[in-house]
Amino acid sequence: MLKADLHVHTEYSPDCLTSLDRVVSTCLKRGLGCIAITDHNEIKGALLLQEKAPFKVIVGEEIRTDMGEIIGYYLTERIKPGLSPAKTIEEIRKQGGLVCVPHPFDRMRRSRLSFEALRQIEKEIDIVEVFNSRNVYAGDNAKAKEYALARGAMVSVGSDAHWPWEIGRTYMDIADFSDAGTFREVLRSVSPQFTGTLKKSGLLVHVGTKTVKLIRSGEWRVESEE
């Protein structure tokens, strides 16, 4: 069985400073056998990490649609942000990828997919993220699990790590796989009562992520000079 954290960010996300080398060393230290790199609107880091990591790396992208975020797994090309959810899914399908909805009911996260969009794409969802370590309220994760079960969707969990210490904080145990097709088969066989570890992150991770985003965007520097 592999310990899999299916929602991890790297320095290629605008709100993260974790280097690829640090991702590798942390994963090895914590015994992870699989991670999905889901940088915001980018796949460069995932592709580079896939070449150097001694464990399985799924190339993903957390794509900002015009109605909130969707994750594409098993991508070969970057999908540009700002498209409609339906068009984004179309682009994911063109690459043979899988569609995942991250943190669908996180009431504190403005970037989550809107309820209207969720209804529109309901039949196109492959995977629902039923536990995200960064969700503040436990009930929001529970609601995601209920949603997945009611629709027979595959389930995933992820740390949503933006800092090294978050990586592998949450993981699920899954069977080994070799490609998108066998990954789908593995997730289909995963019981809703999957084994693994589910741990929440504290509120401070959000403050840190926001600060990094401001600094890297230049907004922090501009405000400091005024």
Protein backbone atom coordinates (compact mmCIF):
# COMPACT_ATOMS: atom_id res chain seq x y z
CA MET A 1 0.00 0.00 0.00
CA LEU A 2 1.07 3.57 -0.68
CA LYS A 3 0.63 6.55 1.60
CA ALA A 4 -0.84 9.17 -0.74
CA ASP A 5 -1.25 12.90 -0.14
CA LEU A 6 -3.24 14.09 -3.14
CA HIS A 7 -3.08 17.88 -2.67
CA VAL A 8 0.40 19.40 -2.32
CA HIS A 9 1.84 22.77 -3.42
CA THR A 10 5.38 23.84 -4.26
CA GLU A 11 7.28 27.07 -4.90
CA TYR A 12 5.64 27.13 -8.33
CA SER A 13 2.43 28.27 -6.61
CA PRO A 14 2.35 32.03 -5.98
CA ASP A 15 1.54 31.49 -2.30
CA CYS A 16 4.13 28.82 -1.49
CA LEU A 17 7.90 28.80 -0.92
CA THR A 18 8.56 25.07 -0.58
CA SER A 19 11.33 23.99 -2.93
CA LEU A 20 11.12 20.78 -4.92
CA ASP A 21 14.11 19.36 -3.04
CA ARG A 22 12.37 20.07 0.25
CA VAL A 23 9.22 18.33 -0.98
CA VAL A 24 11.27 15.24 -1.84
CA SER A 25 13.14 15.13 1.48
CA THR A 26 9.94 15.64 3.48
CA CYS A 27 8.07 12.92 1.61
CA LEU A 28 10.93 10.47 2.15
CA LYS A 29 11.11 11.34 5.83
CA ARG A 30 7.39 10.70 6.26
CA GLY A 31 7.21 7.57 4.16
CA LEU A 32 4.91 8.89 1.47
CA GLY A 33 4.76 6.73 -1.63
CA CYS A 34 2.64 9.06 -3.74
CA ILE A 35 1.81 12.75 -3.89
CA ALA A 36 -0.17 14.86 -6.30
CA ILE A 37 1.39 18.24 -7.01
CA THR A 38 -1.47 20.66 -7.52
CA ASP A 39 0.10 24.08 -7.90
CA HIS A 40 -2.19 27.00 -8.63
CA ASN A 41 -2.63 27.41 -12.39
CA GLU A 42 0.73 25.77 -13.13
CA ILE A 43 2.24 22.31 -13.78
CA LYS A 44 5.95 23.14 -14.22
CA GLY A 45 6.84 22.17 -10.67
CA ALA A 46 4.93 18.91 -10.92
CA LEU A 47 6.67 17.93 -14.15
CA LEU A 48 10.11 18.72 -12.71
CA LEU A 49 9.41 16.88 -9.49
CA GLN A 50 8.17 13.84 -11.39
CA GLU A 51 11.63 13.57 -12.98
CA LYS A 52 13.58 13.72 -9.74
CA ALA A 53 11.38 12.09 -7.09
CA PRO A 54 11.98 8.42 -6.14
CA PHE A 55 8.25 7.99 -5.47
CA LYS A 56 5.08 8.46 -7.51
CA VAL A 57 4.21 12.03 -8.47
CA ILE A 58 0.86 12.78 -10.10
CA VAL A 59 0.97 15.90 -12.23
CA GLY A 60 -1.97 18.01 -11.23
CA GLU A 61 -3.09 21.62 -11.35
CA GLU A 62 -5.47 23.54 -9.11
CA ILE A 63 -7.17 25.61 -11.76
CA ARG A 64 -9.00 28.82 -10.96
CA THR A 65 -12.13 28.84 -13.12
CA ASP A 66 -14.43 31.84 -13.32
CA MET A 67 -16.59 30.14 -10.67
CA GLY A 68 -13.96 28.66 -8.35
CA GLU A 69 -11.27 25.99 -8.25
CA ILE A 70 -11.10 22.58 -9.92
CA ILE A 71 -8.18 20.15 -9.79
CA GLY A 72 -7.09 18.26 -12.87
CA TYR A 73 -5.03 15.11 -12.27
CA TYR A 74 -2.76 13.48 -14.85
CA LEU A 75 -2.17 16.54 -16.98
CA THR A 76 0.52 16.97 -19.60
CA GLU A 77 -0.12 20.65 -20.38
CA ARG A 78 -1.04 23.65 -18.27
CA ILE A 79 -4.67 24.70 -18.41
CA LYS A 80 -5.10 28.45 -18.31
CA PRO A 81 -7.21 29.96 -15.52
CA GLY A 82 -10.37 32.00 -15.98
CA LEU A 83 -12.29 29.53 -18.13
CA SER A 84 -15.76 28.31 -17.20
CA PRO A 85 -15.95 25.12 -15.13
CA ALA A 86 -17.38 23.24 -18.11
CA LYS A 87 -14.60 24.44 -20.44
CA THR A 88 -11.96 23.64 -17.83
CA ILE A 89 -13.26 20.11 -17.53
CA GLU A 90 -13.27 19.81 -21.30
CA GLU A 91 -9.58 20.75 -21.32
CA ILE A 92 -8.81 18.21 -18.59
CA ARG A 93 -10.61 15.49 -20.55
CA LYS A 94 -8.65 16.31 -23.72
CA GLN A 95 -5.50 15.31 -21.82
CA GLY A 96 -7.03 12.12 -20.47
CA GLY A 97 -7.10 13.62 -16.99
CA LEU A 98 -9.37 13.19 -14.00
CA VAL A 99 -11.58 15.89 -12.52
CA CYS A 100 -11.47 16.55 -8.78
CA VAL A 101 -13.34 19.16 -6.77
CA PRO A 102 -11.20 20.31 -3.82
CA HIS A 103 -12.63 21.61 -0.53
CA PRO A 104 -16.14 21.90 -2.05
CA PHE A 105 -17.91 23.09 1.11
CA ASP A 106 -15.22 25.10 2.90
CA ARG A 107 -17.24 28.09 4.03
CA MET A 108 -14.09 30.15 4.75
CA ARG A 109 -12.49 29.76 1.33
CA ARG A 110 -13.54 32.21 -1.35
CA SER A 111 -11.71 30.21 -4.00
CA ARG A 112 -13.91 27.12 -3.64
CA LEU A 113 -16.18 26.16 -6.49
CA SER A 114 -19.53 27.92 -6.19
CA PHE A 115 -22.63 25.87 -5.41
CA GLU A 116 -24.10 26.88 -8.75
CA ALA A 117 -21.02 25.58 -10.57
CA LEU A 118 -21.07 22.40 -8.51
CA ARG A 119 -24.61 21.71 -9.69
CA GLN A 120 -23.68 22.47 -13.30
CA ILE A 121 -20.77 20.02 -13.45
CA GLU A 122 -22.08 17.41 -11.03
CA LYS A 123 -22.18 14.61 -13.60
CA GLU A 124 -18.61 15.34 -14.76
CA ILE A 125 -16.94 15.03 -11.36
CA ASP A 126 -14.66 12.02 -10.95
CA ILE A 127 -13.30 12.71 -7.48
CA VAL A 128 -14.44 14.70 -4.46
CA GLU A 129 -11.87 15.79 -1.89
CA VAL A 130 -13.55 14.64 1.30
CA PHE A 131 -10.86 15.82 3.72
CA ASN A 132 -8.66 18.88 3.37
CA SER A 133 -6.34 19.64 6.28
CA ARG A 134 -6.78 23.37 5.82
CA ASN A 135 -10.55 23.37 6.20
CA VAL A 136 -11.25 25.27 9.41
CA TYR A 137 -14.57 23.59 10.23
CA ALA A 138 -14.76 19.80 10.54
CA GLY A 139 -18.35 19.90 9.34
CA ASP A 140 -17.24 21.16 5.94
CA ASN A 141 -15.15 18.02 5.41
CA ALA A 142 -18.04 15.88 6.64
CA LYS A 143 -20.39 17.53 4.17
CA ALA A 144 -17.97 16.81 1.32
CA LYS A 145 -17.90 13.15 2.30
CA GLU A 146 -21.70 12.99 2.37
CA TYR A 147 -21.81 14.63 -1.05
CA ALA A 148 -19.36 12.08 -2.50
CA LEU A 149 -21.21 9.13 -1.02
CA ALA A 150 -24.59 10.32 -2.28
CA ARG A 151 -23.25 10.53 -5.84
CA GLY A 152 -20.98 7.51 -5.88
CA ALA A 153 -17.94 9.66 -6.60
CA MET A 154 -14.40 8.58 -5.89
CA VAL A 155 -12.86 10.19 -2.83
CA SER A 156 -9.50 11.80 -2.13
CA VAL A 157 -7.80 13.51 0.79
CA GLY A 158 -5.02 16.04 0.90
CA SER A 159 -2.98 18.19 3.21
CA ASP A 160 -3.22 21.16 0.81
CA ALA A 161 0.35 21.72 1.98
CA HIS A 162 1.95 25.11 1.35
CA TRP A 163 4.64 24.59 4.02
CA PRO A 164 6.97 21.58 4.34
CA TRP A 165 5.65 20.53 7.73
CA GLU A 166 2.13 20.20 6.29
CA ILE A 167 3.12 17.60 3.68
CA GLY A 168 1.75 14.19 4.58
CA ARG A 169 -0.17 15.55 7.54
CA THR A 170 -3.12 13.95 5.85
CA TYR A 171 -2.85 10.90 3.63
CA MET A 172 -4.83 7.87 2.49
CA ASP A 173 -3.60 4.32 2.01
CA ILE A 174 -4.08 3.16 -1.57
CA ALA A 175 -2.92 0.22 -3.68
CA ASP A 176 -0.06 0.68 -6.12
CA PHE A 177 -0.89 1.89 -9.64
CA SER A 178 0.91 2.78 -12.85
CA ASP A 179 -1.10 5.34 -14.81
CA ALA A 180 -4.33 7.35 -14.91
CA GLY A 181 -6.39 4.29 -15.71
CA THR A 182 -5.09 2.16 -12.86
CA PHE A 183 -5.18 5.17 -10.53
CA ARG A 184 -8.89 5.45 -11.30
CA GLU A 185 -9.35 1.73 -10.61
CA VAL A 186 -7.53 2.05 -7.30
CA LEU A 187 -9.66 4.98 -6.17
CA ARG A 188 -12.83 3.17 -7.26
CA SER A 189 -11.89 0.32 -4.95
CA VAL A 190 -11.23 2.58 -1.97
CA SER A 191 -13.89 2.29 0.71
CA PRO A 192 -15.43 5.54 1.99
CA GLN A 193 -14.07 4.40 5.35
CA PHE A 194 -10.52 4.40 3.97
CA THR A 195 -7.49 3.95 6.16
CA GLY A 196 -4.91 6.66 6.58
CA THR A 197 -4.30 9.71 8.72
CA LEU A 198 -6.44 12.84 8.79
CA LYS A 199 -5.04 15.83 10.66
CA LYS A 200 -6.15 19.43 10.51
CA SER A 201 -3.74 22.33 10.18
CA GLY A 202 -3.96 25.38 12.39
CA LEU A 203 -5.24 28.82 11.46
CA LEU A 204 -1.73 30.27 11.25
CA VAL A 205 -1.02 28.43 7.98
CA HIS A 206 -3.56 30.66 6.26
CA VAL A 207 -1.89 33.81 7.59
CA GLY A 208 1.49 32.58 6.40
CA THR A 209 0.21 31.68 2.95
CA LYS A 210 -1.48 35.05 2.53
CA THR A 211 1.73 36.83 3.56
CA VAL A 212 3.80 34.88 1.03
CA LYS A 213 1.30 35.69 -1.70
CA LEU A 214 1.42 39.40 -0.90
CA ILE A 215 5.22 39.47 -0.86
CA ARG A 216 5.60 37.56 -4.11
CA SER A 217 2.99 39.66 -5.87
CA GLY A 218 4.77 42.88 -4.89
CA GLU A 219 1.76 44.20 -2.99
CA TRP A 220 3.57 44.00 0.34
CA ARG A 221 6.49 46.07 -0.96
CA VAL A 222 4.19 48.74 -2.42
CA GLU A 223 2.19 49.07 0.80
CA SER A 224 5.39 49.33 2.85
CA GLU A 225 6.66 52.24 0.75
CA GLU A 226 3.53 54.33 1.12
